Amino acid sequence: MTTQYGNHPTGQQTRGANGNVLSIIAIVLGVVAIIFFPIVFGVIGLVLAVIAKFVRHERLSTVALVVSAAGLVLGMVLGAVVASA
């Protein structure tokens, strides 16, 4: 819907299916970071989650931050345990 003063939206947000894309990618990378290359996938997941939270204001960004951070830490701990065994 537009106003009579131009083609400006009237306050309705029209987010399609891509409203939480960065958050979902960050969650997936956080889970993958537990098993494979936690420093790479965990850090990329954290960066995407921070962008999703502070730039795009996505709803799942807090979950993405937690999952990415946990994946980074758990992946590093798991890697240290496997390397020492």
PDB file of N, CA and C in Angstrom:
ATOM      1  N   MET A   1       0.839  -1.167   0.000  1.00  0.00           N
ATOM      2  CA  MET A   1       0.000   0.000   0.000  1.00  0.00           C
ATOM      3  C   MET A   1       0.887   1.235   0.000  1.00  0.00           C
ATOM      4  N   THR A   2       0.522   2.236  -0.745  1.00  0.00           N
ATOM      5  CA  THR A   2       1.309   3.456  -0.821  1.00  0.00           C
ATOM      6  C   THR A   2       0.463   4.649  -0.404  1.00  0.00           C
ATOM      7  N   THR A   3       1.147   5.724  -0.115  1.00  0.00           N
ATOM      8  CA  THR A   3       0.448   6.945   0.263  1.00  0.00           C
ATOM      9  C   THR A   3       0.204   7.799  -0.966  1.00  0.00           C
ATOM     10  N   GLN A   4      -0.519   8.873  -0.785  1.00  0.00           N
ATOM     11  CA  GLN A   4      -0.783   9.773  -1.898  1.00  0.00           C
ATOM     12  C   GLN A   4       0.413  10.650  -2.236  1.00  0.00           C
ATOM     13  N   TYR A   5       1.460  10.599  -1.408  1.00  0.00           N
ATOM     14  CA  TYR A   5       2.620  11.451  -1.602  1.00  0.00           C
ATOM     15  C   TYR A   5       3.767  10.753  -2.320  1.00  0.00           C
ATOM     16  N   GLY A   6       3.530   9.622  -2.834  1.00  0.00           N
ATOM     17  CA  GLY A   6       4.583   8.938  -3.563  1.00  0.00           C
ATOM     18  C   GLY A   6       4.534   7.448  -3.310  1.00  0.00           C
ATOM     19  N   ASN A   7       5.526   6.797  -3.768  1.00  0.00           N
ATOM     20  CA  ASN A   7       5.568   5.343  -3.673  1.00  0.00           C
ATOM     21  C   ASN A   7       6.314   4.899  -2.415  1.00  0.00           C
ATOM     22  N   HIS A   8       5.922   5.410  -1.278  1.00  0.00           N
ATOM     23  CA  HIS A   8       6.537   5.059  -0.006  1.00  0.00           C
ATOM     24  C   HIS A   8       5.610   4.114   0.745  1.00  0.00           C
ATOM     25  N   PRO A   9       6.149   3.081   1.361  1.00  0.00           N
ATOM     26  CA  PRO A   9       5.308   2.169   2.131  1.00  0.00           C
ATOM     27  C   PRO A   9       4.695   2.872   3.344  1.00  0.00           C
ATOM     28  N   THR A  10       3.548   2.391   3.754  1.00  0.00           N
ATOM     29  CA  THR A  10       2.819   3.025   4.844  1.00  0.00           C
ATOM     30  C   THR A  10       3.036   2.341   6.185  1.00  0.00           C
ATOM     31  N   GLY A  11       4.156   1.702   6.363  1.00  0.00           N
ATOM     32  CA  GLY A  11       4.444   1.090   7.650  1.00  0.00           C
ATOM     33  C   GLY A  11       4.271  -0.407   7.663  1.00  0.00           C
ATOM     34  N   GLN A  12       3.701  -0.973   6.636  1.00  0.00           N
ATOM     35  CA  GLN A  12       3.554  -2.411   6.590  1.00  0.00           C
ATOM     36  C   GLN A  12       4.861  -3.022   6.113  1.00  0.00           C
ATOM     37  N   GLN A  13       5.348  -3.974   6.872  1.00  0.00           N
ATOM     38  CA  GLN A  13       6.580  -4.645   6.479  1.00  0.00           C
ATOM     39  C   GLN A  13       6.230  -5.815   5.590  1.00  0.00           C
ATOM     40  N   THR A  14       6.876  -5.882   4.467  1.00  0.00           N
ATOM     41  CA  THR A  14       6.606  -6.965   3.536  1.00  0.00           C
ATOM     42  C   THR A  14       7.851  -7.836   3.412  1.00  0.00           C
ATOM     43  N   ARG A  15       8.090  -8.609   4.437  1.00  0.00           N
ATOM     44  CA  ARG A  15       9.185  -9.558   4.390  1.00  0.00           C
ATOM     45  C   ARG A  15       8.642 -10.861   3.847  1.00  0.00           C
ATOM     46  N   GLY A  16       9.298 -11.342   2.845  1.00  0.00           N
ATOM     47  CA  GLY A  16       8.875 -12.596   2.252  1.00  0.00           C
ATOM     48  C   GLY A  16       9.479 -13.777   2.985  1.00  0.00           C
ATOM     49  N   ALA A  17       9.819 -14.784   2.235  1.00  0.00           N
ATOM     50  CA  ALA A  17      10.390 -15.996   2.817  1.00  0.00           C
ATOM     51  C   ALA A  17      11.835 -15.793   3.248  1.00  0.00           C
ATOM     52  N   ASN A  18      12.452 -14.681   2.875  1.00  0.00           N
ATOM     53  CA  ASN A  18      13.856 -14.473   3.194  1.00  0.00           C
ATOM     54  C   ASN A  18      14.050 -13.616   4.435  1.00  0.00           C
ATOM     55  N   GLY A  19      13.118 -13.610   5.357  1.00  0.00           N
ATOM     56  CA  GLY A  19      13.212 -12.783   6.545  1.00  0.00           C
ATOM     57  C   GLY A  19      14.261 -13.233   7.540  1.00  0.00           C
ATOM     58  N   ASN A  20      14.565 -14.512   7.572  1.00  0.00           N
ATOM     59  CA  ASN A  20      15.520 -15.047   8.542  1.00  0.00           C
ATOM     60  C   ASN A  20      16.643 -15.826   7.875  1.00  0.00           C
ATOM     61  N   VAL A  21      16.984 -15.468   6.672  1.00  0.00           N
ATOM     62  CA  VAL A  21      17.945 -16.259   5.905  1.00  0.00           C
ATOM     63  C   VAL A  21      19.305 -16.292   6.586  1.00  0.00           C
ATOM     64  N   LEU A  22      19.837 -15.147   6.975  1.00  0.00           N
ATOM     65  CA  LEU A  22      21.156 -15.128   7.608  1.00  0.00           C
ATOM     66  C   LEU A  22      21.147 -15.881   8.932  1.00  0.00           C
ATOM     67  N   SER A  23      20.076 -15.771   9.670  1.00  0.00           N
ATOM     68  CA  SER A  23      19.982 -16.487  10.950  1.00  0.00           C
ATOM     69  C   SER A  23      19.965 -17.992  10.739  1.00  0.00           C
ATOM     70  N   ILE A  24      19.233 -18.451   9.750  1.00  0.00           N
ATOM     71  CA  ILE A  24      19.155 -19.886   9.489  1.00  0.00           C
ATOM     72  C   ILE A  24      20.503 -20.414   9.011  1.00  0.00           C
ATOM     73  N   ILE A  25      21.166 -19.667   8.151  1.00  0.00           N
ATOM     74  CA  ILE A  25      22.497 -20.078   7.695  1.00  0.00           C
ATOM     75  C   ILE A  25      23.468 -20.122   8.874  1.00  0.00           C
ATOM     76  N   ALA A  26      23.382 -19.138   9.772  1.00  0.00           N
ATOM     77  CA  ALA A  26      24.257 -19.117  10.943  1.00  0.00           C
ATOM     78  C   ALA A  26      23.980 -20.295  11.865  1.00  0.00           C
ATOM     79  N   ILE A  27      22.725 -20.680  12.017  1.00  0.00           N
ATOM     80  CA  ILE A  27      22.387 -21.840  12.846  1.00  0.00           C
ATOM     81  C   ILE A  27      22.964 -23.113  12.236  1.00  0.00           C
ATOM     82  N   VAL A  28      22.813 -23.274  10.939  1.00  0.00           N
ATOM     83  CA  VAL A  28      23.347 -24.459  10.264  1.00  0.00           C
ATOM     84  C   VAL A  28      24.876 -24.505  10.390  1.00  0.00           C
ATOM     85  N   LEU A  29      25.522 -23.361  10.198  1.00  0.00           N
ATOM     86  CA  LEU A  29      26.982 -23.326  10.330  1.00  0.00           C
ATOM     87  C   LEU A  29      27.420 -23.621  11.762  1.00  0.00           C
ATOM     88  N   GLY A  30      26.649 -23.182  12.740  1.00  0.00           N
ATOM     89  CA  GLY A  30      26.969 -23.485  14.131  1.00  0.00           C
ATOM     90  C   GLY A  30      26.881 -24.964  14.430  1.00  0.00           C
ATOM     91  N   VAL A  31      25.894 -25.625  13.863  1.00  0.00           N
ATOM     92  CA  VAL A  31      25.758 -27.070  14.064  1.00  0.00           C
ATOM     93  C   VAL A  31      26.877 -27.811  13.336  1.00  0.00           C
ATOM     94  N   VAL A  32      27.197 -27.383  12.125  1.00  0.00           N
ATOM     95  CA  VAL A  32      28.269 -28.015  11.360  1.00  0.00           C
ATOM     96  C   VAL A  32      29.616 -27.808  12.062  1.00  0.00           C
ATOM     97  N   ALA A  33      29.773 -26.677  12.741  1.00  0.00           N
ATOM     98  CA  ALA A  33      31.034 -26.365  13.415  1.00  0.00           C
ATOM     99  C   ALA A  33      31.351 -27.327  14.552  1.00  0.00           C
ATOM    100  N   ILE A  34      30.351 -28.021  15.053  1.00  0.00           N
ATOM    101  CA  ILE A  34      30.609 -28.995  16.123  1.00  0.00           C
ATOM    102  C   ILE A  34      31.454 -30.152  15.591  1.00  0.00           C
ATOM    103  N   ILE A  35      31.257 -30.518  14.338  1.00  0.00           N
ATOM    104  CA  ILE A  35      31.933 -31.678  13.766  1.00  0.00           C
ATOM    105  C   ILE A  35      33.116 -31.295  12.883  1.00  0.00           C
ATOM    106  N   PHE A  36      32.922 -30.307  11.998  1.00  0.00           N
ATOM    107  CA  PHE A  36      33.927 -29.977  10.991  1.00  0.00           C
ATOM    108  C   PHE A  36      34.446 -28.559  11.170  1.00  0.00           C
ATOM    109  N   PHE A  37      35.738 -28.380  11.241  1.00  0.00           N
ATOM    110  CA  PHE A  37      36.423 -27.086  11.224  1.00  0.00           C
ATOM    111  C   PHE A  37      35.706 -26.005  12.046  1.00  0.00           C
ATOM    112  N   PRO A  38      35.686 -26.144  13.352  1.00  0.00           N
ATOM    113  CA  PRO A  38      34.931 -25.187  14.171  1.00  0.00           C
ATOM    114  C   PRO A  38      35.440 -23.754  14.064  1.00  0.00           C
ATOM    115  N   ILE A  39      36.722 -23.570  13.830  1.00  0.00           N
ATOM    116  CA  ILE A  39      37.233 -22.205  13.744  1.00  0.00           C
ATOM    117  C   ILE A  39      36.702 -21.519  12.489  1.00  0.00           C
ATOM    118  N   VAL A  40      36.561 -22.257  11.407  1.00  0.00           N
ATOM    119  CA  VAL A  40      36.066 -21.664  10.162  1.00  0.00           C
ATOM    120  C   VAL A  40      34.552 -21.480  10.218  1.00  0.00           C
ATOM    121  N   PHE A  41      33.829 -22.588  10.413  1.00  0.00           N
ATOM    122  CA  PHE A  41      32.373 -22.521  10.357  1.00  0.00           C
ATOM    123  C   PHE A  41      31.771 -21.778  11.541  1.00  0.00           C
ATOM    124  N   GLY A  42      32.355 -21.923  12.716  1.00  0.00           N
ATOM    125  CA  GLY A  42      31.846 -21.223  13.891  1.00  0.00           C
ATOM    126  C   GLY A  42      31.999 -19.721  13.784  1.00  0.00           C
ATOM    127  N   VAL A  43      33.150 -19.278  13.322  1.00  0.00           N
ATOM    128  CA  VAL A  43      33.382 -17.834  13.187  1.00  0.00           C
ATOM    129  C   VAL A  43      32.501 -17.241  12.094  1.00  0.00           C
ATOM    130  N   ILE A  44      32.369 -17.931  10.967  1.00  0.00           N
ATOM    131  CA  ILE A  44      31.485 -17.435   9.902  1.00  0.00           C
ATOM    132  C   ILE A  44      30.040 -17.383  10.405  1.00  0.00           C
ATOM    133  N   GLY A  45      29.633 -18.402  11.151  1.00  0.00           N
ATOM    134  CA  GLY A  45      28.289 -18.396  11.730  1.00  0.00           C
ATOM    135  C   GLY A  45      28.077 -17.240  12.693  1.00  0.00           C
ATOM    136  N   LEU A  46      29.096 -16.949  13.515  1.00  0.00           N
ATOM    137  CA  LEU A  46      28.992 -15.820  14.444  1.00  0.00           C
ATOM    138  C   LEU A  46      28.893 -14.489  13.703  1.00  0.00           C
ATOM    139  N   VAL A  47      29.681 -14.337  12.665  1.00  0.00           N
ATOM    140  CA  VAL A  47      29.638 -13.086  11.886  1.00  0.00           C
ATOM    141  C   VAL A  47      28.266 -12.910  11.241  1.00  0.00           C
ATOM    142  N   LEU A  48      27.743 -13.973  10.653  1.00  0.00           N
ATOM    143  CA  LEU A  48      26.412 -13.878  10.040  1.00  0.00           C
ATOM    144  C   LEU A  48      25.330 -13.601  11.078  1.00  0.00           C
ATOM    145  N   ALA A  49      25.457 -14.209  12.257  1.00  0.00           N
ATOM    146  CA  ALA A  49      24.467 -13.981  13.313  1.00  0.00           C
ATOM    147  C   ALA A  49      24.513 -12.548  13.819  1.00  0.00           C
ATOM    148  N   VAL A  50      25.709 -11.981  13.938  1.00  0.00           N
ATOM    149  CA  VAL A  50      25.823 -10.581  14.369  1.00  0.00           C
ATOM    150  C   VAL A  50      25.224  -9.647  13.312  1.00  0.00           C
ATOM    151  N   ILE A  51      25.490  -9.925  12.051  1.00  0.00           N
ATOM    152  CA  ILE A  51      24.894  -9.107  10.979  1.00  0.00           C
ATOM    153  C   ILE A  51      23.381  -9.236  11.003  1.00  0.00           C
ATOM    154  N   ALA A  52      22.890 -10.464  11.205  1.00  0.00           N
ATOM    155  CA  ALA A  52      21.445 -10.677  11.254  1.00  0.00           C
ATOM    156  C   ALA A  52      20.810  -9.939  12.428  1.00  0.00           C
ATOM    157  N   LYS A  53      21.520  -9.864  13.542  1.00  0.00           N
ATOM    158  CA  LYS A  53      20.944  -9.218  14.734  1.00  0.00           C
ATOM    159  C   LYS A  53      20.993  -7.698  14.663  1.00  0.00           C
ATOM    160  N   PHE A  54      22.146  -7.152  14.329  1.00  0.00           N
ATOM    161  CA  PHE A  54      22.302  -5.706  14.459  1.00  0.00           C
ATOM    162  C   PHE A  54      22.047  -4.933  13.176  1.00  0.00           C
ATOM    163  N   VAL A  55      22.131  -5.579  12.028  1.00  0.00           N
ATOM    164  CA  VAL A  55      21.896  -4.873  10.769  1.00  0.00           C
ATOM    165  C   VAL A  55      20.506  -5.175  10.227  1.00  0.00           C
ATOM    166  N   ARG A  56      20.159  -6.464  10.188  1.00  0.00           N
ATOM    167  CA  ARG A  56      18.887  -6.845   9.574  1.00  0.00           C
ATOM    168  C   ARG A  56      17.759  -7.054  10.570  1.00  0.00           C
ATOM    169  N   HIS A  57      18.049  -7.121  11.866  1.00  0.00           N
ATOM    170  CA  HIS A  57      17.057  -7.273  12.942  1.00  0.00           C
ATOM    171  C   HIS A  57      16.139  -8.475  12.705  1.00  0.00           C
ATOM    172  N   GLU A  58      16.755  -9.614  12.466  1.00  0.00           N
ATOM    173  CA  GLU A  58      15.982 -10.833  12.224  1.00  0.00           C
ATOM    174  C   GLU A  58      15.537 -11.454  13.544  1.00  0.00           C
ATOM    175  N   ARG A  59      14.430 -12.162  13.504  1.00  0.00           N
ATOM    176  CA  ARG A  59      13.847 -12.723  14.717  1.00  0.00           C
ATOM    177  C   ARG A  59      14.672 -13.858  15.302  1.00  0.00           C
ATOM    178  N   LEU A  60      15.290 -14.669  14.468  1.00  0.00           N
ATOM    179  CA  LEU A  60      16.036 -15.828  14.943  1.00  0.00           C
ATOM    180  C   LEU A  60      17.505 -15.526  15.206  1.00  0.00           C
ATOM    181  N   SER A  61      17.880 -14.278  15.211  1.00  0.00           N
ATOM    182  CA  SER A  61      19.297 -13.931  15.321  1.00  0.00           C
ATOM    183  C   SER A  61      19.880 -14.277  16.690  1.00  0.00           C
ATOM    184  N   THR A  62      19.105 -14.169  17.741  1.00  0.00           N
ATOM    185  CA  THR A  62      19.609 -14.524  19.067  1.00  0.00           C
ATOM    186  C   THR A  62      19.889 -16.025  19.156  1.00  0.00           C
ATOM    187  N   VAL A  63      18.997 -16.807  18.601  1.00  0.00           N
ATOM    188  CA  VAL A  63      19.207 -18.255  18.559  1.00  0.00           C
ATOM    189  C   VAL A  63      20.448 -18.565  17.735  1.00  0.00           C
ATOM    190  N   ALA A  64      20.616 -17.861  16.630  1.00  0.00           N
ATOM    191  CA  ALA A  64      21.776 -18.077  15.767  1.00  0.00           C
ATOM    192  C   ALA A  64      23.072 -17.726  16.486  1.00  0.00           C
ATOM    193  N   LEU A  65      23.063 -16.654  17.260  1.00  0.00           N
ATOM    194  CA  LEU A  65      24.247 -16.290  18.038  1.00  0.00           C
ATOM    195  C   LEU A  65      24.617 -17.380  19.040  1.00  0.00           C
ATOM    196  N   VAL A  66      23.637 -17.884  19.745  1.00  0.00           N
ATOM    197  CA  VAL A  66      23.880 -18.904  20.757  1.00  0.00           C
ATOM    198  C   VAL A  66      24.369 -20.200  20.117  1.00  0.00           C
ATOM    199  N   VAL A  67      23.704 -20.626  19.041  1.00  0.00           N
ATOM    200  CA  VAL A  67      24.079 -21.884  18.393  1.00  0.00           C
ATOM    201  C   VAL A  67      25.468 -21.774  17.768  1.00  0.00           C
ATOM    202  N   SER A  68      25.772 -20.654  17.147  1.00  0.00           N
ATOM    203  CA  SER A  68      27.089 -20.480  16.526  1.00  0.00           C
ATOM    204  C   SER A  68      28.196 -20.444  17.577  1.00  0.00           C
ATOM    205  N   ALA A  69      27.960 -19.739  18.666  1.00  0.00           N
ATOM    206  CA  ALA A  69      28.964 -19.681  19.733  1.00  0.00           C
ATOM    207  C   ALA A  69      29.147 -21.053  20.382  1.00  0.00           C
ATOM    208  N   ALA A  70      28.050 -21.752  20.614  1.00  0.00           N
ATOM    209  CA  ALA A  70      28.139 -23.086  21.205  1.00  0.00           C
ATOM    210  C   ALA A  70      28.821 -24.056  20.243  1.00  0.00           C
ATOM    211  N   GLY A  71      28.528 -23.947  18.963  1.00  0.00           N
ATOM    212  CA  GLY A  71      29.182 -24.809  17.983  1.00  0.00           C
ATOM    213  C   GLY A  71      30.666 -24.553  17.916  1.00  0.00           C
ATOM    214  N   LEU A  72      31.053 -23.288  18.004  1.00  0.00           N
ATOM    215  CA  LEU A  72      32.475 -22.940  17.997  1.00  0.00           C
ATOM    216  C   LEU A  72      33.185 -23.531  19.210  1.00  0.00           C
ATOM    217  N   VAL A  73      32.620 -23.336  20.386  1.00  0.00           N
ATOM    218  CA  VAL A  73      33.253 -23.817  21.620  1.00  0.00           C
ATOM    219  C   VAL A  73      33.232 -25.344  21.693  1.00  0.00           C
ATOM    220  N   LEU A  74      32.077 -25.941  21.429  1.00  0.00           N
ATOM    221  CA  LEU A  74      31.987 -27.402  21.505  1.00  0.00           C
ATOM    222  C   LEU A  74      32.855 -28.077  20.452  1.00  0.00           C
ATOM    223  N   GLY A  75      32.916 -27.497  19.277  1.00  0.00           N
ATOM    224  CA  GLY A  75      33.773 -28.057  18.237  1.00  0.00           C
ATOM    225  C   GLY A  75      35.234 -28.023  18.609  1.00  0.00           C
ATOM    226  N   MET A  76      35.663 -26.921  19.225  1.00  0.00           N
ATOM    227  CA  MET A  76      37.060 -26.815  19.648  1.00  0.00           C
ATOM    228  C   MET A  76      37.356 -27.786  20.792  1.00  0.00           C
ATOM    229  N   VAL A  77      36.420 -27.919  21.733  1.00  0.00           N
ATOM    230  CA  VAL A  77      36.607 -28.868  22.838  1.00  0.00           C
ATOM    231  C   VAL A  77      36.645 -30.291  22.301  1.00  0.00           C
ATOM    232  N   LEU A  78      35.731 -30.634  21.411  1.00  0.00           N
ATOM    233  CA  LEU A  78      35.693 -31.959  20.832  1.00  0.00           C
ATOM    234  C   LEU A  78      36.962 -32.245  20.044  1.00  0.00           C
ATOM    235  N   GLY A  79      37.447 -31.252  19.313  1.00  0.00           N
ATOM    236  CA  GLY A  79      38.691 -31.420  18.573  1.00  0.00           C
ATOM    237  C   GLY A  79      39.878 -31.633  19.496  1.00  0.00           C
ATOM    238  N   ALA A  80      39.906 -30.928  20.615  1.00  0.00           N
ATOM    239  CA  ALA A  80      41.004 -31.107  21.574  1.00  0.00           C
ATOM    240  C   ALA A  80      40.944 -32.487  22.223  1.00  0.00           C
ATOM    241  N   VAL A  81      39.735 -32.960  22.522  1.00  0.00           N
ATOM    242  CA  VAL A  81      39.591 -34.290  23.123  1.00  0.00           C
ATOM    243  C   VAL A  81      40.017 -35.368  22.133  1.00  0.00           C
ATOM    244  N   VAL A  82      39.610 -35.229  20.882  1.00  0.00           N
ATOM    245  CA  VAL A  82      39.971 -36.230  19.883  1.00  0.00           C
ATOM    246  C   VAL A  82      41.473 -36.187  19.594  1.00  0.00           C
ATOM    247  N   ALA A  83      42.050 -34.992  19.572  1.00  0.00           N
ATOM    248  CA  ALA A  83      43.472 -34.877  19.285  1.00  0.00           C
ATOM    249  C   ALA A  83      44.325 -35.431  20.417  1.00  0.00           C
ATOM    250  N   SER A  84      43.846 -35.349  21.645  1.00  0.00           N
ATOM    251  CA  SER A  84      44.643 -35.827  22.778  1.00  0.00           C
ATOM    252  C   SER A  84      44.490 -37.336  22.996  1.00  0.00           C
ATOM    253  N   ALA A  85      43.499 -37.928  22.378  1.00  0.00           N
ATOM    254  CA  ALA A  85      43.259 -39.373  22.588  1.00  0.00           C
ATOM    255  C   ALA A  85      44.134 -40.233  21.703  1.00  0.00           C
TER     256      ALA A  85
END
